[in-house]
PDB file of N, CA and C in Angstrom:
ATOM      1  N   MET A   1      -5.651   4.019  51.508  1.00  0.00           N
ATOM      2  CA  MET A   1      -5.756   2.942  50.449  1.00  0.00           C
ATOM      3  C   MET A   1      -6.344   3.546  49.249  1.00  0.00           C
ATOM      4  N   LYS A   2      -7.263   4.308  49.409  1.00  0.00           N
ATOM      5  CA  LYS A   2      -8.055   5.134  48.328  1.00  0.00           C
ATOM      6  C   LYS A   2      -6.957   5.956  47.227  1.00  0.00           C
ATOM      7  N   LYS A   3      -6.068   6.528  48.227  1.00  0.00           N
ATOM      8  CA  LYS A   3      -5.069   7.303  47.721  1.00  0.00           C
ATOM      9  C   LYS A   3      -4.037   6.711  47.069  1.00  0.00           C
ATOM     10  N   ILE A   4      -3.641   5.275  47.391  1.00  0.00           N
ATOM     11  CA  ILE A   4      -2.904   4.454  46.418  1.00  0.00           C
ATOM     12  C   ILE A   4      -3.682   4.114  45.369  1.00  0.00           C
ATOM     13  N   ALA A   5      -4.896   3.763  45.406  1.00  0.00           N
ATOM     14  CA  ALA A   5      -5.638   3.434  44.262  1.00  0.00           C
ATOM     15  C   ALA A   5      -5.861   4.445  43.188  1.00  0.00           C
ATOM     16  N   LEU A   6      -6.035   5.734  43.765  1.00  0.00           N
ATOM     17  CA  LEU A   6      -6.160   7.041  42.899  1.00  0.00           C
ATOM     18  C   LEU A   6      -4.914   7.206  42.313  1.00  0.00           C
ATOM     19  N   LEU A   7      -3.677   7.178  42.943  1.00  0.00           N
ATOM     20  CA  LEU A   7      -2.257   7.211  42.183  1.00  0.00           C
ATOM     21  C   LEU A   7      -1.961   6.246  40.954  1.00  0.00           C
ATOM     22  N   SER A   8      -2.420   5.138  41.531  1.00  0.00           N
ATOM     23  CA  SER A   8      -1.837   3.970  40.470  1.00  0.00           C
ATOM     24  C   SER A   8      -2.892   4.443  39.358  1.00  0.00           C
ATOM     25  N   LEU A   9      -4.222   4.667  39.258  1.00  0.00           N
ATOM     26  CA  LEU A   9      -4.991   4.943  38.148  1.00  0.00           C
ATOM     27  C   LEU A   9      -4.195   6.159  37.344  1.00  0.00           C
ATOM     28  N   LEU A  10      -4.056   7.129  38.255  1.00  0.00           N
ATOM     29  CA  LEU A  10      -3.213   8.339  37.485  1.00  0.00           C
ATOM     30  C   LEU A  10      -2.043   8.045  36.843  1.00  0.00           C
ATOM     31  N   VAL A  11      -1.407   7.178  37.242  1.00  0.00           N
ATOM     32  CA  VAL A  11       0.161   6.696  36.650  1.00  0.00           C
ATOM     33  C   VAL A  11      -0.278   5.920  35.263  1.00  0.00           C
ATOM     34  N   ILE A  12      -1.168   5.258  35.685  1.00  0.00           N
ATOM     35  CA  ILE A  12      -1.519   4.313  34.657  1.00  0.00           C
ATOM     36  C   ILE A  12      -2.177   5.228  33.182  1.00  0.00           C
ATOM     37  N   ALA A  13      -2.990   6.188  33.488  1.00  0.00           N
ATOM     38  CA  ALA A  13      -3.345   6.893  32.497  1.00  0.00           C
ATOM     39  C   ALA A  13      -2.527   7.933  32.077  1.00  0.00           C
ATOM     40  N   LEU A  14      -1.584   8.429  32.918  1.00  0.00           N
ATOM     41  CA  LEU A  14      -0.403   9.270  31.886  1.00  0.00           C
ATOM     42  C   LEU A  14       0.393   8.345  31.101  1.00  0.00           C
ATOM     43  N   SER A  15       0.524   7.207  31.807  1.00  0.00           N
ATOM     44  CA  SER A  15       1.604   6.160  30.827  1.00  0.00           C
ATOM     45  C   SER A  15       1.073   5.902  29.710  1.00  0.00           C
ATOM     46  N   LEU A  16      -0.404   5.750  29.458  1.00  0.00           N
ATOM     47  CA  LEU A  16      -1.206   5.433  28.287  1.00  0.00           C
ATOM     48  C   LEU A  16      -1.148   6.990  27.410  1.00  0.00           C
ATOM     49  N   VAL A  17      -1.389   7.774  28.122  1.00  0.00           N
ATOM     50  CA  VAL A  17      -1.280   9.166  27.020  1.00  0.00           C
ATOM     51  C   VAL A  17       0.003   9.417  26.413  1.00  0.00           C
ATOM     52  N   PHE A  18       1.055   9.043  27.185  1.00  0.00           N
ATOM     53  CA  PHE A  18       2.570   9.691  26.600  1.00  0.00           C
ATOM     54  C   PHE A  18       3.025   8.548  26.010  1.00  0.00           C
ATOM     55  N   THR A  19       2.436   7.615  25.850  1.00  0.00           N
ATOM     56  CA  THR A  19       3.197   6.320  25.230  1.00  0.00           C
ATOM     57  C   THR A  19       3.492   6.623  23.716  1.00  0.00           C
ATOM     58  N   GLY A  20       2.455   7.095  23.094  1.00  0.00           N
ATOM     59  CA  GLY A  20       2.324   7.293  21.553  1.00  0.00           C
ATOM     60  C   GLY A  20       3.713   8.375  21.376  1.00  0.00           C
ATOM     61  N   VAL A  21       3.836   9.397  22.196  1.00  0.00           N
ATOM     62  CA  VAL A  21       4.601  10.403  22.076  1.00  0.00           C
ATOM     63  C   VAL A  21       6.400   9.745  22.074  1.00  0.00           C
ATOM     64  N   ALA A  22       6.206   8.760  22.988  1.00  0.00           N
ATOM     65  CA  ALA A  22       7.656   8.274  23.136  1.00  0.00           C
ATOM     66  C   ALA A  22       7.981   7.132  22.129  1.00  0.00           C
ATOM     67  N   LEU A  23       7.038   6.462  21.394  1.00  0.00           N
ATOM     68  CA  LEU A  23       7.352   5.613  20.504  1.00  0.00           C
ATOM     69  C   LEU A  23       7.360   6.436  19.235  1.00  0.00           C
ATOM     70  N   ALA A  24       6.935   7.521  18.674  1.00  0.00           N
ATOM     71  CA  ALA A  24       6.912   8.212  17.836  1.00  0.00           C
ATOM     72  C   ALA A  24       8.342   8.142  16.966  1.00  0.00           C
ATOM     73  N   ALA A  25       8.425   8.084  15.714  1.00  0.00           N
ATOM     74  CA  ALA A  25       9.728   7.953  14.871  1.00  0.00           C
ATOM     75  C   ALA A  25      10.150   9.564  14.809  1.00  0.00           C
ATOM     76  N   THR A  26      11.462   9.693  14.934  1.00  0.00           N
ATOM     77  CA  THR A  26      12.090  10.844  14.959  1.00  0.00           C
ATOM     78  C   THR A  26      12.679  11.154  13.380  1.00  0.00           C
ATOM     79  N   PRO A  27      13.158  12.280  13.260  1.00  0.00           N
ATOM     80  CA  PRO A  27      13.463  12.648  11.844  1.00  0.00           C
ATOM     81  C   PRO A  27      14.734  11.647  11.813  1.00  0.00           C
ATOM     82  N   GLN A  28      15.963  11.790  12.788  1.00  0.00           N
ATOM     83  CA  GLN A  28      16.929  10.787  12.452  1.00  0.00           C
ATOM     84  C   GLN A  28      16.484   9.350  12.176  1.00  0.00           C
ATOM     85  N   ASP A  29      15.691   8.829  12.689  1.00  0.00           N
ATOM     86  CA  ASP A  29      14.949   7.489  12.482  1.00  0.00           C
ATOM     87  C   ASP A  29      14.707   7.277  11.006  1.00  0.00           C
ATOM     88  N   ILE A  30      13.834   8.336  10.464  1.00  0.00           N
ATOM     89  CA  ILE A  30      13.357   8.255   9.007  1.00  0.00           C
ATOM     90  C   ILE A  30      14.697   8.307   8.355  1.00  0.00           C
ATOM     91  N   TYR A  31      15.558   9.200   8.545  1.00  0.00           N
ATOM     92  CA  TYR A  31      16.911   9.254   7.690  1.00  0.00           C
ATOM     93  C   TYR A  31      17.522   7.769   7.765  1.00  0.00           C
ATOM     94  N   ASN A  32      17.853   7.490   8.943  1.00  0.00           N
ATOM     95  CA  ASN A  32      18.559   6.217   9.242  1.00  0.00           C
ATOM     96  C   ASN A  32      17.817   4.876   8.421  1.00  0.00           C
ATOM     97  N   ASP A  33      16.507   4.820   8.283  1.00  0.00           N
ATOM     98  CA  ASP A  33      16.035   3.971   7.471  1.00  0.00           C
ATOM     99  C   ASP A  33      15.890   4.245   5.988  1.00  0.00           C
ATOM    100  N   TRP A  34      15.893   5.344   5.481  1.00  0.00           N
ATOM    101  CA  TRP A  34      16.438   5.604   4.096  1.00  0.00           C
ATOM    102  C   TRP A  34      17.713   5.387   3.736  1.00  0.00           C
ATOM    103  N   ALA A  35      18.868   5.831   4.718  1.00  0.00           N
ATOM    104  CA  ALA A  35      19.856   5.499   4.342  1.00  0.00           C
ATOM    105  C   ALA A  35      20.454   3.999   4.301  1.00  0.00           C
ATOM    106  N   ALA A  36      19.838   3.395   5.112  1.00  0.00           N
ATOM    107  CA  ALA A  36      19.883   1.662   5.220  1.00  0.00           C
ATOM    108  C   ALA A  36      19.996   1.034   3.899  1.00  0.00           C
ATOM    109  N   ASP A  37      19.173   1.415   2.976  1.00  0.00           N
ATOM    110  CA  ASP A  37      18.488   0.704   1.815  1.00  0.00           C
ATOM    111  C   ASP A  37      18.048   1.278   0.927  1.00  0.00           C
ATOM    112  N   GLY A  38      17.750   2.932   0.984  1.00  0.00           N
ATOM    113  CA  GLY A  38      17.125   3.479   0.107  1.00  0.00           C
ATOM    114  C   GLY A  38      15.458   3.171  -0.209  1.00  0.00           C
ATOM    115  N   ASP A  39      15.203   2.701   1.044  1.00  0.00           N
ATOM    116  CA  ASP A  39      13.554   2.579   0.888  1.00  0.00           C
ATOM    117  C   ASP A  39      13.068   2.895   2.488  1.00  0.00           C
ATOM    118  N   LEU A  40      11.865   3.085   2.760  1.00  0.00           N
ATOM    119  CA  LEU A  40      11.330   3.486   3.874  1.00  0.00           C
ATOM    120  C   LEU A  40      10.530   2.045   4.297  1.00  0.00           C
ATOM    121  N   ASP A  41      11.140   1.469   4.969  1.00  0.00           N
ATOM    122  CA  ASP A  41      10.690   0.298   5.477  1.00  0.00           C
ATOM    123  C   ASP A  41       9.500   0.417   6.839  1.00  0.00           C
ATOM    124  N   GLY A  42       9.746   1.292   7.420  1.00  0.00           N
ATOM    125  CA  GLY A  42       8.701   1.579   8.543  1.00  0.00           C
ATOM    126  C   GLY A  42       7.519   2.256   8.091  1.00  0.00           C
ATOM    127  N   THR A  43       6.510   2.233   8.842  1.00  0.00           N
ATOM    128  CA  THR A  43       5.360   3.028   8.571  1.00  0.00           C
ATOM    129  C   THR A  43       5.191   4.312   9.421  1.00  0.00           C
ATOM    130  N   TYR A  44       5.298   5.358   8.721  1.00  0.00           N
ATOM    131  CA  TYR A  44       5.645   6.722   9.210  1.00  0.00           C
ATOM    132  C   TYR A  44       4.242   7.798   9.107  1.00  0.00           C
ATOM    133  N   THR A  45       3.961   8.333  10.076  1.00  0.00           N
ATOM    134  CA  THR A  45       2.501   8.973   9.970  1.00  0.00           C
ATOM    135  C   THR A  45       2.873  10.463   9.225  1.00  0.00           C
ATOM    136  N   GLU A  46       1.674  11.340   8.798  1.00  0.00           N
ATOM    137  CA  GLU A  46       2.029  12.292   8.097  1.00  0.00           C
ATOM    138  C   GLU A  46       2.844  13.500   9.114  1.00  0.00           C
ATOM    139  N   ALA A  47       2.654  13.036  10.345  1.00  0.00           N
ATOM    140  CA  ALA A  47       3.364  14.247  11.090  1.00  0.00           C
ATOM    141  C   ALA A  47       4.542  14.127  11.503  1.00  0.00           C
ATOM    142  N   GLU A  48       5.033  12.722  11.321  1.00  0.00           N
ATOM    143  CA  GLU A  48       6.421  12.226  11.466  1.00  0.00           C
ATOM    144  C   GLU A  48       7.055  12.542  10.083  1.00  0.00           C
ATOM    145  N   LEU A  49       6.541  12.518   9.028  1.00  0.00           N
ATOM    146  CA  LEU A  49       7.171  13.030   7.956  1.00  0.00           C
ATOM    147  C   LEU A  49       7.372  14.237   7.482  1.00  0.00           C
ATOM    148  N   ARG A  50       6.473  14.985   8.103  1.00  0.00           N
ATOM    149  CA  ARG A  50       6.450  16.589   8.347  1.00  0.00           C
ATOM    150  C   ARG A  50       7.672  17.117   9.094  1.00  0.00           C
ATOM    151  N   ALA A  51       7.598  16.485   9.984  1.00  0.00           N
ATOM    152  CA  ALA A  51       8.667  16.589  11.274  1.00  0.00           C
ATOM    153  C   ALA A  51       9.961  16.475  10.522  1.00  0.00           C
ATOM    154  N   TYR A  52      10.333  15.143   9.597  1.00  0.00           N
ATOM    155  CA  TYR A  52      11.433  15.179   9.319  1.00  0.00           C
ATOM    156  C   TYR A  52      11.953  16.416   8.048  1.00  0.00           C
ATOM    157  N   LEU A  53      10.828  16.811   7.424  1.00  0.00           N
ATOM    158  CA  LEU A  53      11.070  17.651   6.340  1.00  0.00           C
ATOM    159  C   LEU A  53      11.418  19.239   7.150  1.00  0.00           C
ATOM    160  N   ASN A  54      11.069  19.305   8.125  1.00  0.00           N
ATOM    161  CA  ASN A  54      11.162  20.497   8.883  1.00  0.00           C
ATOM    162  C   ASN A  54      12.361  20.252  10.060  1.00  0.00           C
ATOM    163  N   ASP A  55      13.185  19.428  10.031  1.00  0.00           N
ATOM    164  CA  ASP A  55      14.183  19.025  10.814  1.00  0.00           C
ATOM    165  C   ASP A  55      15.645  19.971  10.358  1.00  0.00           C
ATOM    166  N   ALA A  56      16.168  20.885  10.866  1.00  0.00           N
ATOM    167  CA  ALA A  56      17.407  21.254  10.360  1.00  0.00           C
ATOM    168  C   ALA A  56      18.545  20.533  10.481  1.00  0.00           C
ATOM    169  N   THR A  57      18.613  19.979  11.706  1.00  0.00           N
ATOM    170  CA  THR A  57      19.707  19.002  11.900  1.00  0.00           C
ATOM    171  C   THR A  57      20.104  17.815  11.023  1.00  0.00           C
ATOM    172  N   THR A  58      19.117  17.333  10.542  1.00  0.00           N
ATOM    173  CA  THR A  58      19.534  16.160   9.712  1.00  0.00           C
ATOM    174  C   THR A  58      19.775  16.616   8.287  1.00  0.00           C
ATOM    175  N   HIS A  59      18.997  17.923   7.898  1.00  0.00           N
ATOM    176  CA  HIS A  59      19.529  18.257   6.668  1.00  0.00           C
ATOM    177  C   HIS A  59      20.813  19.018   6.504  1.00  0.00           C
ATOM    178  N   GLN A  60      21.161  19.413   7.744  1.00  0.00           N
ATOM    179  CA  GLN A  60      22.592  20.103   7.732  1.00  0.00           C
ATOM    180  C   GLN A  60      23.672  19.275   7.776  1.00  0.00           C
ATOM    181  N   TYR A  61      23.212  18.057   8.632  1.00  0.00           N
ATOM    182  CA  TYR A  61      24.469  17.008   9.008  1.00  0.00           C
ATOM    183  C   TYR A  61      24.601  15.799   8.061  1.00  0.00           C
ATOM    184  N   GLY A  62      23.421  15.474   7.427  1.00  0.00           N
ATOM    185  CA  GLY A  62      23.222  14.278   6.741  1.00  0.00           C
ATOM    186  C   GLY A  62      23.787  14.482   5.100  1.00  0.00           C
ATOM    187  N   ASN A  63      24.071  13.103   4.898  1.00  0.00           N
ATOM    188  CA  ASN A  63      24.443  13.160   3.658  1.00  0.00           C
ATOM    189  C   ASN A  63      23.727  13.831   2.643  1.00  0.00           C
ATOM    190  N   ALA A  64      24.285  14.706   1.770  1.00  0.00           N
ATOM    191  CA  ALA A  64      23.630  15.485   0.894  1.00  0.00           C
ATOM    192  C   ALA A  64      22.631  14.552  -0.126  1.00  0.00           C
ATOM    193  N   GLN A  65      23.293  13.600  -0.901  1.00  0.00           N
ATOM    194  CA  GLN A  65      22.658  13.057  -1.845  1.00  0.00           C
ATOM    195  C   GLN A  65      21.365  12.240  -0.778  1.00  0.00           C
ATOM    196  N   ILE A  66      21.589  11.785   0.109  1.00  0.00           N
ATOM    197  CA  ILE A  66      20.758  10.782   0.999  1.00  0.00           C
ATOM    198  C   ILE A  66      19.472  11.891   1.263  1.00  0.00           C
ATOM    199  N   VAL A  67      19.557  12.883   2.019  1.00  0.00           N
ATOM    200  CA  VAL A  67      18.874  13.894   1.843  1.00  0.00           C
ATOM    201  C   VAL A  67      18.088  14.343   0.668  1.00  0.00           C
ATOM    202  N   ASP A  68      18.639  14.419  -0.352  1.00  0.00           N
ATOM    203  CA  ASP A  68      18.001  14.837  -1.485  1.00  0.00           C
ATOM    204  C   ASP A  68      16.720  14.081  -1.643  1.00  0.00           C
ATOM    205  N   SER A  69      17.522  12.681  -1.844  1.00  0.00           N
ATOM    206  CA  SER A  69      16.395  11.800  -2.355  1.00  0.00           C
ATOM    207  C   SER A  69      15.459  11.267  -1.296  1.00  0.00           C
ATOM    208  N   LEU A  70      15.627  11.558  -0.457  1.00  0.00           N
ATOM    209  CA  LEU A  70      14.682  11.484   0.834  1.00  0.00           C
ATOM    210  C   LEU A  70      13.796  12.481   0.756  1.00  0.00           C
ATOM    211  N   ASP A  71      14.149  13.599   0.553  1.00  0.00           N
ATOM    212  CA  ASP A  71      13.231  14.847   0.667  1.00  0.00           C
ATOM    213  C   ASP A  71      12.303  14.569  -0.738  1.00  0.00           C
ATOM    214  N   ARG A  72      12.745  14.141  -1.804  1.00  0.00           N
ATOM    215  CA  ARG A  72      11.735  13.938  -2.884  1.00  0.00           C
ATOM    216  C   ARG A  72      10.727  12.771  -2.686  1.00  0.00           C
ATOM    217  N   LYS A  73      11.158  11.687  -1.888  1.00  0.00           N
ATOM    218  CA  LYS A  73      10.360  10.651  -1.582  1.00  0.00           C
ATOM    219  C   LYS A  73       9.124  10.999  -0.470  1.00  0.00           C
ATOM    220  N   VAL A  74       9.575  11.504   0.299  1.00  0.00           N
ATOM    221  CA  VAL A  74       8.597  12.126   1.727  1.00  0.00           C
ATOM    222  C   VAL A  74       7.979  13.232   0.834  1.00  0.00           C
ATOM    223  N   ASN A  75       8.155  14.069  -0.040  1.00  0.00           N
ATOM    224  CA  ASN A  75       7.234  15.139  -0.560  1.00  0.00           C
ATOM    225  C   ASN A  75       6.054  14.289  -1.637  1.00  0.00           C
ATOM    226  N   GLU A  76       6.826  13.327  -2.220  1.00  0.00           N
ATOM    227  CA  GLU A  76       5.759  12.285  -2.901  1.00  0.00           C
ATOM    228  C   GLU A  76       4.696  11.709  -2.004  1.00  0.00           C
ATOM    229  N   LEU A  77       5.262  11.187  -0.820  1.00  0.00           N
ATOM    230  CA  LEU A  77       4.271  10.586   0.273  1.00  0.00           C
ATOM    231  C   LEU A  77       2.972  11.597   0.577  1.00  0.00           C
ATOM    232  N   LEU A  78       3.704  12.743   0.833  1.00  0.00           N
ATOM    233  CA  LEU A  78       2.770  13.987   1.461  1.00  0.00           C
ATOM    234  C   LEU A  78       1.878  14.514   0.314  1.00  0.00           C
ATOM    235  N   THR A  79       2.379  14.511  -0.889  1.00  0.00           N
ATOM    236  CA  THR A  79       1.495  15.205  -1.926  1.00  0.00           C
ATOM    237  C   THR A  79       0.038  14.350  -2.057  1.00  0.00           C
ATOM    238  N   ARG A  80      -0.921  14.956  -1.719  1.00  0.00           N
ATOM    239  CA  ARG A  80      -2.322  13.947  -2.083  1.00  0.00           C
ATOM    240  C   ARG A  80      -3.340  14.929  -2.691  1.00  0.00           C
ATOM    241  N   ASP A  81      -3.988  14.513  -3.498  1.00  0.00           N
ATOM    242  CA  ASP A  81      -5.240  15.227  -4.224  1.00  0.00           C
ATOM    243  C   ASP A  81      -6.226  15.773  -3.049  1.00  0.00           C
ATOM    244  N   GLU A  82      -6.238  16.945  -2.902  1.00  0.00           N
ATOM    245  CA  GLU A  82      -7.293  17.357  -1.792  1.00  0.00           C
ATOM    246  C   GLU A  82      -8.296  18.323  -2.633  1.00  0.00           C
ATOM    247  N   PHE A  83      -9.123  18.454  -1.921  1.00  0.00           N
ATOM    248  CA  PHE A  83     -10.589  19.170  -2.511  1.00  0.00           C
ATOM    249  C   PHE A  83     -10.170  20.553  -2.451  1.00  0.00           C
ATOM    250  N   PRO A  84      -9.867  21.547  -3.581  1.00  0.00           N
ATOM    251  CA  PRO A  84      -9.438  22.795  -3.468  1.00  0.00           C
ATOM    252  C   PRO A  84     -10.387  23.656  -2.510  1.00  0.00           C
ATOM    253  N   PHE A  85      -9.672  24.562  -2.078  1.00  0.00           N
ATOM    254  CA  PHE A  85     -10.458  25.529  -1.411  1.00  0.00           C
ATOM    255  C   PHE A  85     -11.650  26.403  -2.378  1.00  0.00           C
ATOM    256  N   THR A  86     -12.444  26.598  -1.983  1.00  0.00           N
ATOM    257  CA  THR A  86     -13.497  27.467  -2.909  1.00  0.00           C
ATOM    258  C   THR A  86     -14.299  28.689  -2.211  1.00  0.00           C
ATOM    259  N   GLY A  87     -13.911  28.822  -0.912  1.00  0.00           N
ATOM    260  CA  GLY A  87     -14.511  29.929  -0.423  1.00  0.00           C
ATOM    261  C   GLY A  87     -16.116  29.707   0.185  1.00  0.00           C
ATOM    262  N   ALA A  88     -16.426  28.557   0.225  1.00  0.00           N
ATOM    263  CA  ALA A  88     -17.771  28.051   0.869  1.00  0.00           C
ATOM    264  C   ALA A  88     -17.686  28.156   2.325  1.00  0.00           C
ATOM    265  N   GLN A  89     -16.414  27.983   2.960  1.00  0.00           N
ATOM    266  CA  GLN A  89     -16.513  27.866   4.413  1.00  0.00           C
ATOM    267  C   GLN A  89     -16.622  29.568   4.901  1.00  0.00           C
ATOM    268  N   ILE A  90     -15.884  30.137   4.127  1.00  0.00           N
ATOM    269  CA  ILE A  90     -16.108  31.631   4.405  1.00  0.00           C
ATOM    270  C   ILE A  90     -17.369  32.149   4.296  1.00  0.00           C
ATOM    271  N   ALA A  91     -17.945  31.737   2.972  1.00  0.00           N
ATOM    272  CA  ALA A  91     -19.547  32.298   2.922  1.00  0.00           C
ATOM    273  C   ALA A  91     -20.381  31.736   3.908  1.00  0.00           C
ATOM    274  N   LEU A  92     -20.248  30.314   4.387  1.00  0.00           N
ATOM    275  CA  LEU A  92     -21.234  30.236   5.418  1.00  0.00           C
ATOM    276  C   LEU A  92     -21.057  30.910   6.755  1.00  0.00           C
ATOM    277  N   ILE A  93     -19.786  31.183   7.036  1.00  0.00           N
ATOM    278  CA  ILE A  93     -19.349  32.035   8.214  1.00  0.00           C
ATOM    279  C   ILE A  93     -20.164  33.366   8.095  1.00  0.00           C
ATOM    280  N   VAL A  94     -19.838  33.804   6.952  1.00  0.00           N
ATOM    281  CA  VAL A  94     -20.467  35.152   7.011  1.00  0.00           C
ATOM    282  C   VAL A  94     -22.082  35.385   6.966  1.00  0.00           C
ATOM    283  N   ILE A  95     -22.527  34.243   6.145  1.00  0.00           N
ATOM    284  CA  ILE A  95     -24.135  34.082   6.625  1.00  0.00           C
ATOM    285  C   ILE A  95     -24.235  33.985   8.131  1.00  0.00           C
ATOM    286  N   ALA A  96     -23.733  33.260   8.646  1.00  0.00           N
ATOM    287  CA  ALA A  96     -24.015  32.923  10.027  1.00  0.00           C
ATOM    288  C   ALA A  96     -23.795  34.147  10.785  1.00  0.00           C
ATOM    289  N   VAL A  97     -22.760  35.022  10.679  1.00  0.00           N
ATOM    290  CA  VAL A  97     -22.588  36.297  11.437  1.00  0.00           C
ATOM    291  C   VAL A  97     -23.724  37.044  11.049  1.00  0.00           C
ATOM    292  N   VAL A  98     -23.994  37.531   9.579  1.00  0.00           N
ATOM    293  CA  VAL A  98     -25.056  38.195   9.275  1.00  0.00           C
ATOM    294  C   VAL A  98     -26.409  37.746   9.839  1.00  0.00           C
ATOM    295  N   ALA A  99     -26.672  36.668  10.102  1.00  0.00           N
ATOM    296  CA  ALA A  99     -27.879  36.053  10.677  1.00  0.00           C
ATOM    297  C   ALA A  99     -27.929  36.457  11.954  1.00  0.00           C
ATOM    298  N   LEU A 100     -26.910  36.140  12.890  1.00  0.00           N
ATOM    299  CA  LEU A 100     -26.937  36.713  14.168  1.00  0.00           C
ATOM    300  C   LEU A 100     -27.162  38.216  14.466  1.00  0.00           C
ATOM    301  N   LEU A 101     -26.190  38.740  13.700  1.00  0.00           N
ATOM    302  CA  LEU A 101     -26.172  40.306  13.615  1.00  0.00           C
ATOM    303  C   LEU A 101     -27.948  40.815  13.726  1.00  0.00           C
ATOM    304  N   GLY A 102     -28.151  40.496  12.392  1.00  0.00           N
ATOM    305  CA  GLY A 102     -29.568  40.802  11.993  1.00  0.00           C
ATOM    306  C   GLY A 102     -30.573  40.345  13.239  1.00  0.00           C
ATOM    307  N   GLY A 103     -30.613  38.980  13.545  1.00  0.00           N
ATOM    308  CA  GLY A 103     -31.556  38.650  14.610  1.00  0.00           C
ATOM    309  C   GLY A 103     -31.273  39.623  15.912  1.00  0.00           C
ATOM    310  N   GLY A 104     -30.084  39.625  16.142  1.00  0.00           N
ATOM    311  CA  GLY A 104     -29.923  40.843  17.583  1.00  0.00           C
ATOM    312  C   GLY A 104     -30.429  42.034  17.417  1.00  0.00           C
ATOM    313  N   ALA A 105     -30.246  42.623  16.419  1.00  0.00           N
ATOM    314  CA  ALA A 105     -30.779  44.028  15.886  1.00  0.00           C
ATOM    315  C   ALA A 105     -32.414  43.912  15.881  1.00  0.00           C
ATOM    316  N   ALA A 106     -32.758  42.878  15.449  1.00  0.00           N
ATOM    317  CA  ALA A 106     -34.419  42.629  15.172  1.00  0.00           C
ATOM    318  C   ALA A 106     -34.934  42.509  16.821  1.00  0.00           C
ATOM    319  N   LEU A 107     -34.328  41.645  17.609  1.00  0.00           N
ATOM    320  CA  LEU A 107     -34.714  41.507  19.045  1.00  0.00           C
ATOM    321  C   LEU A 107     -34.632  42.868  19.915  1.00  0.00           C
ATOM    322  N   ARG A 108     -33.889  43.607  19.547  1.00  0.00           N
ATOM    323  CA  ARG A 108     -33.646  44.399  20.043  1.00  0.00           C
ATOM    324  C   ARG A 108     -34.416  45.646  19.810  1.00  0.00           C
ATOM    325  N   ARG A 109     -34.752  45.714  18.322  1.00  0.00           N
ATOM    326  CA  ARG A 109     -35.740  46.741  18.009  1.00  0.00           C
ATOM    327  C   ARG A 109     -37.344  46.621  18.406  1.00  0.00           C
ATOM    328  N   PHE A 110     -37.612  45.137  18.310  1.00  0.00           N
ATOM    329  CA  PHE A 110     -38.920  44.801  18.466  1.00  0.00           C
ATOM    330  C   PHE A 110     -39.307  44.548  20.109  1.00  0.00           C
ATOM    331  N   ALA A 111     -38.388  44.461  20.833  1.00  0.00           N
ATOM    332  CA  ALA A 111     -38.497  44.146  22.228  1.00  0.00           C
ATOM    333  C   ALA A 111     -38.872  45.272  22.874  1.00  0.00           C
ATOM    334  N   ASP A 112     -40.021  44.829  23.924  1.00  0.00           N
ATOM    335  CA  ASP A 112     -40.502  46.019  24.757  1.00  0.00           C
ATOM    336  C   ASP A 112     -39.576  46.630  25.944  1.00  0.00           C
ATOM    337  N   SER A 113     -39.594  47.962  25.733  1.00  0.00           N
ATOM    338  CA  SER A 113     -38.909  48.658  26.807  1.00  0.00           C
ATOM    339  C   SER A 113     -39.538  48.667  27.978  1.00  0.00           C
ATOM    340  N   ARG A 114     -38.685  48.252  28.916  1.00  0.00           N
ATOM    341  CA  ARG A 114     -39.108  48.369  30.345  1.00  0.00           C
ATOM    342  C   ARG A 114     -38.716  49.837  30.933  1.00  0.00           C
ATOM    343  N   SER A 115     -39.891  50.467  31.166  1.00  0.00           N
ATOM    344  CA  SER A 115     -39.488  51.866  31.461  1.00  0.00           C
ATOM    345  C   SER A 115     -40.455  52.493  32.781  1.00  0.00           C
TER     346      SER A 115
END
């Protein structure tokens, strides 16, 4: 009885985990949505839109005018104002590395040698 309950819980958990993947929009879905009326009626995630841009099949076999206009629209949706990279993250990492190496060297120098 415990094995059946455990197996049932495992099946339910896996179903919940993989449901999002099964319901994700494909690049062809996005193309069909745009081709239907020239507007994206669905709500698409950033990952789905990037997947459309990287899909070679849709770009190769789709109508060139539709693909060009959809590419412009998807690029508009993906363009966001982001904080520019300033190097502050790298500076913090360098400071942490120097502190760790310096602390290790200081501990080694001032530790009592056991002889």
